[in-house]
Amino acid sequence: DISLPDRSPPVDPSVSPEHNSRIKFYCNEILNRTQGSGAISVLEFNKEGTHLAYGNSDGILSILELGQSRSDIGFSTHACSKPYQSFLSHEPEFDCLKSQSIEEKLTFIRWLNCSGPSHFLLSANERTIKLWRVAEVPVREMDNLNFPTESGSRKKVAIRSNSDIKVPRWKPRPTDNKVVRVYNKKVYARGHGFSLTGLALFLDQQTFLSSDPLRINLWHYDVDYEAFTIVDLMPDRIEDITHLITGLTTSPSSPSLFAYSTNRGSIRICDTRSTALCDKPALEIDNLAASEQNAVVILLNSISDLKFFNNSDRFIATRDFMSVKIWDLANTSAPVEIYPVQSHLKPYMNSIYETELLFDDFKLSLSSDDKYIITGSYQADIRILDRSVGPSGIYKIKMEPDDSHLYSGFYGHSPDAITPDLATAPWPRPLSVDTSAPVAEYGDSTSDSTAGIMSITSLFSPASVKKWISVSWCPKSLVVAACHADAIHIIEGMNGNPSSSSREPVESTNIDESG
């Protein structure tokens, strides 16, 4: 008899808590966007978990350095961040052939493996990908000059022969301080005729993939003037287009395996070892019948993001508008796990159909042990999925601003009482988490509340809706970053019940994106 391996990838007990204990999530830090800067559009932790990069709609890429800060509520320390570097990554362009403007808004950030003291990362807007090197260099000063450098000096220099001429030289300052320099190494342009939908790095650290709705290109880091198209879905006639590429991911263990998703809920697995042109995938998973023509059904099943598991290329996690699904590539008839992360919107779907909310591309991210998955939703909601518990293990987390009065109960204040400025309350701060029951089924009226109805109603006002599109899980920890247009929230899962203390409060941070 042939026995298949366990469906669940191995869990590292040093990272994850015990299955029978529930994690408490705390907000460690809220980084607010400064007035006048662009909306935050994307964020990503590096593979070592030491830095967090984020981009905005002005084309500015900023990097935060992660560390540990003294906690104010009983824990010894908690994860925090400090500014590391900020620079202009992309500028607006104009496509003369198509008479189309190209926004500078950053849509993808991908970190390469750390190599020595330098960090390398890719950033992309709608069309152009750039490779950056970020390095710390010692501070140096010029010495042995031919003119006086003292302030206010009137000393004249007389040069009468060649021996009087000094050769200037650089010398390091007698200090350990270093400055962070950013170097643009490569610009990968003109590879796509449509907006990018995916960016993924191969394990070999020599090549990477980029995708638009109809093509996937293979790039080499050292070659920025040409790319090899390995997937081409462009038919002879535009009317014959049936699938559009919506997401892209590469295997964490094989330098030749990658997968992409489509707007019809399909997942296609390709292996470059079998064929260089991967127009016909090695494995295809179809979630909809080929004859399905209902536009709403297609939009609800469109996959906005997909990821291979970190410890196994047998499993893939996908996110569509209503749910997160786990697929087993050894059994593709149906997903092995389904988590309804937005079923509370079901009673309002008739109104949502009339908006552009169905086109929102929510991302997902997995923990290092593949036990937890984070994904975003609307307003104050994000979802963290505990796969060891199943659908009943969905953490429905409320992400509040730093001055929210929902924190007042934790610090012994009545919500109706006059409270001090909560923006200076101790950190980390507990987050409201509901794990008492699974997410309500479609149409369950018991899930409605006055606050919930008001929150749902505000979805239809573009000026007030918050979308937690981009999320990222810090490797080898329970630290997570999630963002909407105006702020980044860094949260952390902890065990135990900390006791309040009267330590000096830590102030929230404003993001300065002036470059």
Protein backbone atom coordinates (compact mmCIF):
# COMPACT_ATOMS: atom_id res chain seq x y z
CA ASP A 1 0.00 0.00 0.00
CA ILE A 2 1.13 3.53 -0.77
CA SER A 3 0.53 6.03 2.04
CA LEU A 4 0.43 9.72 1.25
CA PRO A 5 2.20 12.12 3.62
CA ASP A 6 0.25 14.19 6.10
CA ARG A 7 -1.67 17.02 4.47
CA SER A 8 -0.47 19.57 6.99
CA PRO A 9 3.15 20.68 6.55
CA PRO A 10 5.38 20.27 9.61
CA VAL A 11 5.06 22.95 12.29
CA ASP A 12 8.12 24.31 14.07
CA PRO A 13 7.30 24.20 17.80
CA SER A 14 9.90 26.87 18.54
CA VAL A 15 7.93 29.40 16.55
CA SER A 16 4.31 28.48 17.10
CA PRO A 17 2.47 28.29 20.42
CA GLU A 18 0.81 25.09 21.59
CA HIS A 19 -2.34 24.11 19.78
CA ASN A 20 -4.44 24.23 22.93
CA SER A 21 -3.50 27.82 23.76
CA ARG A 22 -4.96 30.89 22.16
CA ILE A 23 -2.73 33.73 21.12
CA LYS A 24 -3.48 37.28 22.19
CA PHE A 25 -2.69 39.88 19.56
CA TYR A 26 -1.32 43.29 20.45
CA CYS A 27 -0.68 46.38 18.39
CA ASN A 28 2.98 47.23 18.88
CA GLU A 29 3.15 50.32 16.74
CA ILE A 30 1.08 52.51 14.44
CA LEU A 31 2.98 54.42 11.75
CA ASN A 32 0.75 57.20 10.48
CA ARG A 33 1.18 58.74 7.07
CA THR A 34 2.28 62.35 7.26
CA GLN A 35 0.04 64.98 5.75
CA GLY A 36 0.81 65.61 2.10
CA SER A 37 2.54 62.30 1.42
CA GLY A 38 1.14 59.65 -0.90
CA ALA A 39 -1.14 56.81 0.15
CA ILE A 40 0.65 53.66 1.32
CA SER A 41 0.27 50.99 -1.34
CA VAL A 42 2.51 47.99 -0.53
CA LEU A 43 4.75 46.59 2.21
CA GLU A 44 7.07 43.59 2.59
CA PHE A 45 9.39 42.14 5.26
CA ASN A 46 12.81 40.99 4.17
CA LYS A 47 13.69 37.30 4.39
CA GLU A 48 15.77 37.76 7.53
CA GLY A 49 13.00 39.61 9.37
CA THR A 50 15.21 42.60 10.17
CA HIS A 51 13.70 45.24 7.87
CA LEU A 52 10.30 46.26 6.56
CA ALA A 53 9.98 48.10 3.24
CA TYR A 54 6.88 49.96 2.12
CA GLY A 55 5.97 52.08 -0.87
CA ASN A 56 3.42 54.76 -1.57
CA SER A 57 1.57 56.36 -4.44
CA ASP A 58 4.27 59.04 -4.83
CA GLY A 59 6.83 56.42 -5.85
CA ILE A 60 8.77 56.72 -2.59
CA LEU A 61 10.19 53.55 -1.08
CA SER A 62 10.93 53.63 2.65
CA ILE A 63 12.67 51.06 4.81
CA LEU A 64 12.19 50.50 8.53
CA GLU A 65 14.64 48.64 10.75
CA LEU A 66 13.06 46.25 13.24
CA GLY A 67 14.19 45.87 16.81
CA GLN A 68 12.94 45.29 20.34
CA SER A 69 11.50 47.92 22.66
CA ARG A 70 10.74 47.83 26.36
CA SER A 71 7.08 46.93 26.83
CA ASP A 72 4.82 48.95 29.09
CA ILE A 73 2.19 46.35 30.01
CA GLY A 74 4.10 43.44 31.53
CA PHE A 75 5.96 41.82 28.64
CA SER A 76 9.71 42.31 28.71
CA THR A 77 10.02 43.50 25.11
CA HIS A 78 8.00 43.79 21.94
CA ALA A 79 8.84 44.31 18.28
CA CYS A 80 9.14 47.90 17.11
CA SER A 81 10.73 49.84 14.25
CA LYS A 82 12.77 52.90 13.47
CA PRO A 83 13.39 54.73 10.17
CA TYR A 84 16.27 53.30 8.16
CA GLN A 85 16.19 54.92 4.71
CA SER A 86 13.78 56.54 2.29
CA PHE A 87 14.31 57.31 -1.38
CA LEU A 88 12.47 58.00 -4.63
CA SER A 89 12.04 54.73 -6.47
CA HIS A 90 9.85 55.66 -9.45
CA GLU A 91 8.73 58.79 -11.22
CA PRO A 92 5.65 59.29 -13.42
CA GLU A 93 6.14 58.37 -17.07
CA PHE A 94 4.23 58.71 -20.29
CA ASP A 95 3.82 55.96 -22.88
CA CYS A 96 3.98 57.82 -26.18
CA LEU A 97 2.93 54.82 -28.26
CA LYS A 98 -0.30 54.33 -26.33
CA SER A 99 -0.74 57.95 -25.21
CA GLN A 100 -1.07 56.68 -21.67
CA SER A 101 0.36 58.05 -18.44
CA ILE A 102 2.11 55.60 -16.11
CA GLU A 103 1.73 56.32 -12.42
CA GLU A 104 4.69 56.29 -10.07
CA LYS A 105 2.67 54.33 -7.48
CA LEU A 106 4.61 51.32 -6.17
CA THR A 107 2.75 48.03 -6.56
CA PHE A 108 5.36 45.38 -5.67
CA ILE A 109 8.39 45.08 -3.38
CA ARG A 110 10.47 41.91 -3.24
CA TRP A 111 13.57 41.36 -1.09
CA LEU A 112 16.45 39.23 -2.27
CA ASN A 113 18.41 37.09 0.16
CA CYS A 114 20.86 39.16 2.15
CA SER A 115 24.38 39.09 0.70
CA GLY A 116 27.05 40.38 3.05
CA PRO A 117 26.47 43.83 4.54
CA SER A 118 24.25 44.94 1.64
CA HIS A 119 20.53 44.46 1.06
CA PHE A 120 19.06 44.03 -2.41
CA LEU A 121 15.42 44.47 -3.33
CA LEU A 122 13.17 44.88 -6.36
CA SER A 123 10.51 47.58 -6.60
CA ALA A 124 7.96 48.02 -9.35
CA ASN A 125 5.24 50.37 -10.46
CA GLU A 126 2.77 49.57 -13.24
CA ARG A 127 5.42 48.85 -15.89
CA THR A 128 9.00 49.26 -14.69
CA ILE A 129 10.99 47.09 -12.28
CA LYS A 130 14.13 48.36 -10.56
CA LEU A 131 16.87 46.61 -8.61
CA TRP A 132 18.26 48.49 -5.61
CA ARG A 133 21.26 47.97 -3.37
CA VAL A 134 21.04 49.36 0.15
CA ALA A 135 24.31 49.42 2.08
CA GLU A 136 25.75 50.95 5.22
CA VAL A 137 29.03 52.74 4.53
CA PRO A 138 31.36 54.39 7.05
CA VAL A 139 31.40 58.16 7.25
CA ARG A 140 34.53 59.58 5.61
CA GLU A 141 36.07 63.03 5.35
CA MET A 142 38.57 64.65 2.99
CA ASP A 143 42.08 65.20 4.29
CA ASN A 144 45.39 66.66 3.06
CA LEU A 145 43.78 69.52 1.13
CA ASN A 146 45.59 72.40 -0.60
CA PHE A 147 43.52 75.06 1.16
CA PRO A 148 42.61 75.68 4.79
CA THR A 149 39.41 74.11 6.05
CA GLU A 150 39.12 75.98 9.36
CA SER A 151 36.06 78.18 9.60
CA GLY A 152 36.94 81.84 9.00
CA SER A 153 40.55 81.14 8.08
CA ARG A 154 42.23 83.80 5.89
CA LYS A 155 45.45 81.90 5.42
CA LYS A 156 46.75 82.01 1.86
CA VAL A 157 48.34 79.00 0.24
CA ALA A 158 51.43 79.59 -1.86
CA ILE A 159 52.30 76.88 -4.38
CA ARG A 160 55.77 77.50 -5.80
CA SER A 161 56.73 73.99 -6.92
CA ASN A 162 55.29 70.56 -7.44
CA SER A 163 56.36 69.55 -3.96
CA ASP A 164 53.96 72.11 -2.49
CA ILE A 165 50.96 70.40 -4.08
CA LYS A 166 49.12 68.00 -1.80
CA VAL A 167 47.12 65.01 -2.96
CA PRO A 168 43.71 64.95 -1.24
CA ARG A 169 42.66 61.65 0.27
CA TRP A 170 39.67 60.18 2.01
CA LYS A 171 39.96 59.00 5.59
CA PRO A 172 37.33 57.48 7.87
CA ARG A 173 36.09 59.57 10.72
CA PRO A 174 37.00 58.31 14.20
CA THR A 175 33.45 57.15 14.88
CA ASP A 176 31.37 54.02 14.48
CA ASN A 177 28.54 55.90 12.80
CA LYS A 178 27.59 54.78 9.31
CA VAL A 179 25.33 56.24 6.67
CA VAL A 180 22.88 54.27 4.55
CA ARG A 181 23.45 54.65 0.82
CA VAL A 182 21.07 53.51 -1.93
CA TYR A 183 22.29 52.53 -5.39
CA ASN A 184 20.12 51.80 -8.41
CA LYS A 185 21.76 48.76 -10.01
CA LYS A 186 19.36 47.82 -12.83
CA VAL A 187 16.19 49.07 -14.54
CA TYR A 188 14.05 46.39 -16.18
CA ALA A 189 11.83 48.39 -18.50
CA ARG A 190 9.75 47.81 -21.64
CA GLY A 191 9.06 44.20 -20.73
CA HIS A 192 5.29 44.54 -20.44
CA GLY A 193 2.60 46.28 -22.41
CA PHE A 194 0.05 46.09 -19.59
CA SER A 195 0.09 46.77 -15.86
CA LEU A 196 2.06 44.31 -13.74
CA THR A 197 0.03 41.74 -11.82
CA GLY A 198 2.84 39.73 -10.21
CA LEU A 199 6.50 39.71 -9.25
CA ALA A 200 8.21 36.59 -7.87
CA LEU A 201 11.81 35.54 -7.24
CA PHE A 202 13.24 32.14 -8.07
CA LEU A 203 15.19 30.17 -5.50
CA ASP A 204 18.40 30.29 -7.55
CA GLN A 205 18.77 34.04 -6.76
CA GLN A 206 19.70 34.64 -10.40
CA THR A 207 16.33 34.96 -12.10
CA PHE A 208 12.87 36.30 -11.34
CA LEU A 209 9.44 36.42 -12.96
CA SER A 210 7.11 39.29 -13.73
CA SER A 211 3.59 39.07 -15.09
CA ASP A 212 0.93 41.20 -16.69
CA PRO A 213 -2.61 39.99 -17.51
CA LEU A 214 -1.45 38.10 -20.62
CA ARG A 215 2.26 37.31 -20.29
CA ILE A 216 4.88 36.09 -17.84
CA ASN A 217 8.49 37.14 -18.43
CA LEU A 218 11.67 35.55 -17.12
CA TRP A 219 14.46 38.00 -16.23
CA HIS A 220 18.08 37.60 -15.21
CA TYR A 221 19.29 40.04 -12.57
CA ASP A 222 22.36 40.97 -14.62
CA VAL A 223 20.47 41.52 -17.89
CA ASP A 224 18.04 44.43 -17.94
CA TYR A 225 17.68 44.91 -21.69
CA GLU A 226 15.87 41.67 -22.58
CA ALA A 227 13.48 39.13 -21.08
CA PHE A 228 12.25 35.71 -22.10
CA THR A 229 8.49 35.22 -22.36
CA ILE A 230 7.68 31.81 -20.88
CA VAL A 231 3.88 32.17 -20.72
CA ASP A 232 1.87 33.90 -23.44
CA LEU A 233 -1.92 33.86 -23.23
CA MET A 234 -2.45 36.37 -26.04
CA PRO A 235 -4.75 34.75 -28.64
CA ASP A 236 -4.93 35.66 -32.30
CA ARG A 237 -8.08 37.66 -31.62
CA ILE A 238 -8.77 39.77 -28.55
CA GLU A 239 -12.32 38.38 -28.44
CA ASP A 240 -10.91 34.92 -27.70
CA ILE A 241 -9.32 35.90 -24.37
CA THR A 242 -10.75 33.72 -21.61
CA HIS A 243 -8.19 33.92 -18.80
CA LEU A 244 -6.24 36.85 -17.37
CA ILE A 245 -3.25 36.42 -15.07
CA THR A 246 -3.95 37.87 -11.62
CA GLY A 247 -1.19 36.47 -9.39
CA LEU A 248 2.23 34.85 -9.47
CA THR A 249 4.32 32.81 -7.03
CA THR A 250 7.42 30.61 -7.11
CA SER A 251 8.31 27.46 -5.20
CA PRO A 252 10.36 27.87 -2.00
CA SER A 253 12.23 24.61 -2.64
CA SER A 254 12.56 24.27 -6.43
CA PRO A 255 14.25 26.82 -8.73
CA SER A 256 12.09 25.73 -11.67
CA LEU A 257 8.56 25.51 -10.28
CA PHE A 258 6.11 28.41 -10.34
CA ALA A 259 2.36 28.95 -10.33
CA TYR A 260 0.01 31.66 -11.50
CA SER A 261 -3.66 32.36 -10.96
CA THR A 262 -6.35 33.71 -13.28
CA ASN A 263 -9.48 35.80 -13.06
CA ARG A 264 -11.65 32.68 -13.40
CA GLY A 265 -10.29 31.09 -10.23
CA SER A 266 -7.85 28.79 -12.00
CA ILE A 267 -4.41 27.81 -10.70
CA ARG A 268 -1.76 26.72 -13.18
CA ILE A 269 1.45 25.02 -12.10
CA CYS A 270 4.41 25.19 -14.48
CA ASP A 271 7.81 23.51 -14.43
CA THR A 272 10.58 24.93 -16.60
CA ARG A 273 12.47 21.61 -16.44
CA SER A 274 9.87 19.97 -18.67
CA THR A 275 9.50 22.78 -21.18
CA ALA A 276 10.93 26.24 -21.68
CA LEU A 277 7.61 27.59 -22.97
CA CYS A 278 4.95 27.05 -20.33
CA ASP A 279 1.83 28.05 -22.27
CA LYS A 280 0.50 24.60 -21.40
CA PRO A 281 0.86 24.08 -17.64
CA ALA A 282 2.05 20.86 -16.03
CA LEU A 283 -0.98 20.94 -13.71
CA GLU A 284 -4.17 22.97 -13.92
CA ILE A 285 -6.82 23.49 -11.23
CA ASP A 286 -10.12 24.94 -12.45
CA ASN A 287 -12.56 26.36 -9.93
CA LEU A 288 -15.19 27.37 -12.51
CA ALA A 289 -16.67 25.59 -15.47
CA ALA A 290 -15.42 26.78 -18.84
CA SER A 291 -19.00 27.61 -19.81
CA GLU A 292 -19.54 29.98 -16.86
CA GLN A 293 -20.49 33.42 -18.19
CA ASN A 294 -21.96 35.13 -15.10
CA ALA A 295 -19.77 38.19 -14.55
CA VAL A 296 -20.51 38.39 -10.82
CA VAL A 297 -19.62 34.73 -10.26
CA ILE A 298 -16.38 35.21 -12.16
CA LEU A 299 -15.46 38.29 -10.09
CA LEU A 300 -16.19 36.51 -6.81
CA ASN A 301 -13.96 33.58 -7.81
CA SER A 302 -11.13 35.66 -9.27
CA ILE A 303 -7.93 34.91 -7.33
CA SER A 304 -6.23 38.09 -6.17
CA ASP A 305 -3.18 36.42 -4.59
CA LEU A 306 -1.61 32.99 -4.17
CA LYS A 307 1.38 31.63 -2.26
CA PHE A 308 3.25 28.35 -2.07
CA PHE A 309 3.66 27.14 1.49
CA ASN A 310 7.06 28.02 2.96
CA ASN A 311 7.87 24.42 3.90
CA SER A 312 6.19 22.47 1.12
CA ASP A 313 5.54 23.08 -2.56
CA ARG A 314 2.66 20.60 -2.40
CA PHE A 315 0.27 23.16 -0.90
CA ILE A 316 -0.91 26.52 -2.23
CA ALA A 317 -2.96 29.18 -0.44
CA THR A 318 -5.21 31.42 -2.54
CA ARG A 319 -7.31 34.47 -1.76
CA ASP A 320 -10.49 35.45 -3.59
CA PHE A 321 -13.00 38.10 -2.61
CA MET A 322 -14.90 36.01 -0.06
CA SER A 323 -12.49 33.36 1.21
CA VAL A 324 -9.02 31.90 1.64
CA LYS A 325 -8.57 28.40 0.24
CA ILE A 326 -5.84 25.80 0.70
CA TRP A 327 -5.16 23.49 -2.25
CA ASP A 328 -3.36 20.15 -2.19
CA LEU A 329 -1.61 19.58 -5.51
CA ALA A 330 -1.89 15.82 -4.97
CA ASN A 331 -5.69 16.10 -4.78
CA THR A 332 -6.98 18.94 -6.93
CA SER A 333 -10.67 18.03 -7.04
CA ALA A 334 -11.50 20.52 -4.28
CA PRO A 335 -9.70 22.73 -1.76
CA VAL A 336 -8.72 20.89 1.42
CA GLU A 337 -9.41 23.94 3.60
CA ILE A 338 -11.79 26.88 3.13
CA TYR A 339 -11.86 29.94 5.41
CA PRO A 340 -14.78 32.37 4.81
CA VAL A 341 -13.05 35.65 5.66
CA GLN A 342 -15.67 38.07 4.31
CA SER A 343 -18.95 36.24 4.69
CA HIS A 344 -20.24 39.13 6.82
CA LEU A 345 -20.59 41.06 3.55
CA LYS A 346 -23.04 38.57 2.05
CA PRO A 347 -26.22 40.49 3.09
CA TYR A 348 -24.88 43.56 1.29
CA MET A 349 -23.73 41.92 -1.93
CA ASN A 350 -26.49 43.53 -4.01
CA SER A 351 -25.04 46.94 -3.14
CA ILE A 352 -21.44 45.79 -3.51
CA TYR A 353 -22.17 44.60 -7.07
CA GLU A 354 -22.79 48.25 -8.01
CA THR A 355 -19.37 49.39 -6.76
CA GLU A 356 -15.78 48.63 -7.70
CA LEU A 357 -15.08 46.75 -4.47
CA LEU A 358 -15.11 43.41 -6.28
CA PHE A 359 -11.91 44.49 -8.07
CA ASP A 360 -9.92 44.96 -4.84
CA ASP A 361 -6.85 42.71 -4.80
CA PHE A 362 -6.45 41.54 -1.21
CA LYS A 363 -3.12 39.88 -0.48
CA LEU A 364 -2.25 37.11 1.95
CA SER A 365 0.90 36.07 3.80
CA LEU A 366 1.93 32.90 5.64
CA SER A 367 3.94 32.45 8.80
CA SER A 368 7.29 30.68 8.58
CA ASP A 369 5.78 27.41 9.86
CA ASP A 370 2.72 27.68 7.56
CA LYS A 371 0.41 27.41 10.56
CA TYR A 372 -0.98 30.94 10.32
CA ILE A 373 -2.25 33.01 7.41
CA ILE A 374 -3.06 36.71 7.48
CA THR A 375 -5.26 38.57 5.02
CA GLY A 376 -7.09 41.87 5.00
CA SER A 377 -10.64 43.10 4.73
CA TYR A 378 -12.44 46.43 4.93
CA GLN A 379 -12.62 49.18 7.54
CA ALA A 380 -11.04 47.92 10.80
CA ASP A 381 -11.02 44.21 9.99
CA ILE A 382 -8.17 41.84 9.26
CA ARG A 383 -8.21 38.06 9.55
CA ILE A 384 -5.56 35.74 10.97
CA LEU A 385 -6.24 32.07 10.31
CA ASP A 386 -5.05 29.39 12.72
CA ARG A 387 -4.85 26.28 10.54
CA SER A 388 -4.43 23.95 13.51
CA VAL A 389 -7.99 24.76 14.63
CA GLY A 390 -9.72 24.98 11.26
CA PRO A 391 -12.48 27.41 10.22
CA SER A 392 -13.33 28.02 13.89
CA GLY A 393 -9.81 29.36 14.43
CA ILE A 394 -10.28 32.61 12.53
CA TYR A 395 -9.07 35.59 14.53
CA LYS A 396 -11.35 38.47 13.58
CA ILE A 397 -9.15 41.38 14.60
CA LYS A 398 -10.25 45.00 14.87
CA MET A 399 -7.48 47.39 13.89
CA GLU A 400 -8.10 50.70 15.66
CA PRO A 401 -6.30 54.05 15.27
CA ASP A 402 -3.91 55.09 18.04
CA ASP A 403 -6.49 57.43 19.63
CA SER A 404 -9.35 54.92 19.64
CA HIS A 405 -11.45 54.85 22.82
CA LEU A 406 -11.77 51.08 22.47
CA TYR A 407 -8.45 50.96 24.31
CA SER A 408 -9.91 52.81 27.32
CA GLY A 409 -11.44 49.68 28.89
CA PHE A 410 -8.05 47.99 29.00
CA TYR A 411 -6.55 50.89 30.95
CA GLY A 412 -9.35 51.04 33.50
CA HIS A 413 -11.38 53.90 31.99
CA SER A 414 -15.05 53.97 31.20
CA PRO A 415 -15.72 54.53 27.50
CA ASP A 416 -18.00 57.45 28.44
CA ALA A 417 -15.59 59.03 30.88
CA ILE A 418 -13.16 61.78 30.06
CA THR A 419 -9.89 59.98 29.40
CA PRO A 420 -6.35 61.18 28.83
CA ASP A 421 -4.88 61.39 25.35
CA LEU A 422 -4.93 57.75 24.26
CA ALA A 423 -2.35 58.47 21.58
CA THR A 424 0.22 58.39 24.41
CA ALA A 425 -1.18 55.27 26.10
CA PRO A 426 1.24 52.41 26.83
CA TRP A 427 2.42 50.04 24.12
CA PRO A 428 1.76 47.34 23.06
CA ARG A 429 -2.02 47.70 23.06
CA PRO A 430 -4.48 44.80 23.05
CA LEU A 431 -6.55 44.26 19.92
CA SER A 432 -10.18 43.30 19.94
CA VAL A 433 -10.32 39.67 18.78
CA ASP A 434 -13.45 37.56 18.36
CA THR A 435 -12.78 33.82 18.33
CA SER A 436 -15.93 32.71 20.13
CA ALA A 437 -17.50 31.26 16.97
CA PRO A 438 -16.68 30.79 13.30
CA VAL A 439 -17.29 33.65 10.93
CA ALA A 440 -21.03 33.88 10.33
CA GLU A 441 -22.37 31.97 7.37
CA TYR A 442 -23.72 33.77 4.36
CA GLY A 443 -26.90 35.61 5.18
CA ASP A 444 -26.72 34.96 8.94
CA SER A 445 -28.60 37.88 10.44
CA THR A 446 -27.11 37.28 13.89
CA SER A 447 -23.81 38.66 12.64
CA ASP A 448 -25.27 42.15 12.17
CA SER A 449 -24.93 44.91 14.73
CA THR A 450 -25.48 48.65 14.72
CA ALA A 451 -21.74 49.27 14.51
CA GLY A 452 -21.40 46.65 11.81
CA ILE A 453 -24.18 48.15 9.72
CA MET A 454 -22.58 51.58 9.96
CA SER A 455 -19.24 50.09 8.95
CA ILE A 456 -20.77 48.29 5.98
CA THR A 457 -22.61 51.43 4.89
CA SER A 458 -19.35 53.39 4.84
CA LEU A 459 -17.98 50.89 2.30
CA PHE A 460 -19.98 52.66 -0.36
CA SER A 461 -18.30 56.00 0.37
CA PRO A 462 -14.89 56.05 -1.35
CA ALA A 463 -13.73 58.84 0.96
CA SER A 464 -14.22 56.83 4.17
CA VAL A 465 -13.53 53.20 3.25
CA LYS A 466 -10.35 51.58 4.58
CA LYS A 467 -8.89 48.68 2.63
CA TRP A 468 -6.29 46.44 4.25
CA ILE A 469 -4.92 45.31 0.91
CA SER A 470 -1.27 44.62 1.67
CA VAL A 471 -0.07 42.37 4.53
CA SER A 472 3.25 40.72 5.36
CA TRP A 473 4.35 38.17 7.95
CA CYS A 474 7.76 38.63 9.53
CA PRO A 475 9.82 35.42 9.13
CA LYS A 476 10.46 33.23 12.20
CA SER A 477 8.18 35.24 14.47
CA LEU A 478 4.57 36.11 15.19
CA VAL A 479 5.02 39.72 14.06
CA VAL A 480 2.76 40.93 11.27
CA ALA A 481 2.49 44.19 9.35
CA ALA A 482 -0.73 45.34 7.71
CA CYS A 483 -1.53 48.64 6.07
CA HIS A 484 -4.27 50.75 4.61
CA ALA A 485 -3.75 53.99 2.71
CA ASP A 486 -3.07 56.12 5.79
CA ALA A 487 -1.16 53.93 8.26
CA ILE A 488 0.91 50.82 8.90
CA HIS A 489 0.05 48.67 11.92
CA ILE A 490 2.66 46.33 13.38
CA ILE A 491 1.01 43.65 15.51
CA GLU A 492 2.40 40.69 17.42
CA GLY A 493 0.94 37.51 18.83
CA MET A 494 1.83 36.78 22.45
CA ASN A 495 0.93 34.20 25.07
CA GLY A 496 -0.21 35.04 28.59
CA ASN A 497 -2.03 37.89 30.29
CA PRO A 498 0.28 40.81 30.93
CA SER A 499 -0.36 43.08 33.87
CA SER A 500 -0.53 46.82 33.39
CA SER A 501 2.42 48.85 34.57
CA SER A 502 3.17 52.51 35.01
CA ARG A 503 6.19 52.76 32.76
CA GLU A 504 6.84 55.77 30.61
CA PRO A 505 4.54 55.63 27.54
CA VAL A 506 5.90 55.25 24.03
CA GLU A 507 4.64 57.66 21.42
CA SER A 508 3.25 56.58 18.07
CA THR A 509 5.32 57.40 15.02
CA ASN A 510 4.51 59.51 12.00
CA ILE A 511 5.89 58.31 8.69
CA ASP A 512 8.05 60.96 7.07
CA GLU A 513 8.14 60.24 3.35
CA SER A 514 9.79 63.42 2.21
CA GLY A 515 12.67 61.31 0.91
